[in-house]
Amino acid sequence: MLHEMSIGGMLFSPLLALAPVAFLLSAGTRLALHHLKLRRFIWKEAWFDVAMFVCYLAGIVYLLDN
């Protein structure tokens, strides 16, 4: 199970460190889809980006959870 991180006596959620990783993965996927000219097949691009971020974040949490 993921536990809080203590920085300077304050407790932070582990999602604080995992969300930027998921954002970088989704941004990389977005750029790859743009360069491969596959973004035109996506109907609602904003919803696709949010869903991709959530899927990456869930996958990272699943992989790092013991």
Protein backbone atom coordinates (compact mmCIF):
# COMPACT_ATOMS: atom_id res chain seq x y z
CA MET A 1 0.00 0.00 0.00
CA LEU A 2 1.22 3.49 -0.77
CA HIS A 3 1.91 5.64 2.29
CA GLU A 4 2.22 9.35 2.89
CA MET A 5 5.57 11.08 2.44
CA SER A 6 6.81 13.29 5.26
CA ILE A 7 8.61 16.41 4.02
CA GLY A 8 9.51 18.93 6.69
CA GLY A 9 6.96 17.46 9.09
CA MET A 10 4.12 17.79 6.58
CA LEU A 11 2.43 14.73 5.12
CA PHE A 12 1.96 14.56 1.36
CA SER A 13 0.05 12.08 -0.74
CA PRO A 14 2.11 9.73 -2.92
CA LEU A 15 0.01 10.96 -5.84
CA LEU A 16 1.97 14.20 -5.58
CA ALA A 17 4.97 12.34 -7.01
CA LEU A 18 3.06 9.99 -9.32
CA ALA A 19 0.84 12.53 -11.10
CA PRO A 20 3.73 14.30 -12.91
CA VAL A 21 5.00 10.93 -14.16
CA ALA A 22 1.55 10.11 -15.54
CA PHE A 23 1.35 13.59 -17.09
CA LEU A 24 4.70 13.13 -18.83
CA LEU A 25 3.61 9.74 -20.18
CA SER A 26 0.32 11.13 -21.47
CA ALA A 27 2.09 14.15 -23.01
CA GLY A 28 4.53 11.80 -24.75
CA THR A 29 1.66 9.71 -26.06
CA ARG A 30 -0.11 12.87 -27.25
CA LEU A 31 3.01 13.98 -29.14
CA ALA A 32 3.47 10.52 -30.66
CA LEU A 33 -0.15 10.46 -31.85
CA HIS A 34 0.27 13.94 -33.32
CA HIS A 35 3.45 13.05 -35.20
CA LEU A 36 1.90 9.82 -36.51
CA LYS A 37 -1.16 11.82 -37.62
CA LEU A 38 -3.51 9.60 -35.60
CA ARG A 39 -5.11 12.42 -33.58
CA ARG A 40 -7.63 13.02 -36.37
CA PHE A 41 -9.32 9.71 -35.51
CA ILE A 42 -10.07 10.86 -31.95
CA TRP A 43 -13.54 12.34 -31.63
CA LYS A 44 -13.22 14.31 -28.35
CA GLU A 45 -9.53 15.05 -27.86
CA ALA A 46 -9.84 16.65 -24.41
CA TRP A 47 -11.76 13.67 -23.01
CA PHE A 48 -9.26 11.32 -24.57
CA ASP A 49 -6.38 13.19 -22.92
CA VAL A 50 -8.04 13.09 -19.51
CA ALA A 51 -8.87 9.39 -19.87
CA MET A 52 -5.31 8.62 -20.96
CA PHE A 53 -3.92 10.48 -17.93
CA VAL A 54 -6.23 8.61 -15.56
CA CYS A 55 -5.32 5.25 -17.12
CA TYR A 56 -1.59 5.99 -16.85
CA LEU A 57 -1.99 7.14 -13.24
CA ALA A 58 -3.99 4.03 -12.33
CA GLY A 59 -1.40 1.81 -14.01
CA ILE A 60 1.48 3.46 -12.15
CA VAL A 61 -0.32 3.15 -8.81
CA TYR A 62 -1.09 -0.49 -9.55
CA LEU A 63 2.51 -1.27 -10.48
CA LEU A 64 4.01 0.48 -7.46
CA ASP A 65 1.56 -0.91 -4.93
CA ASN A 66 2.89 -3.95 -3.07
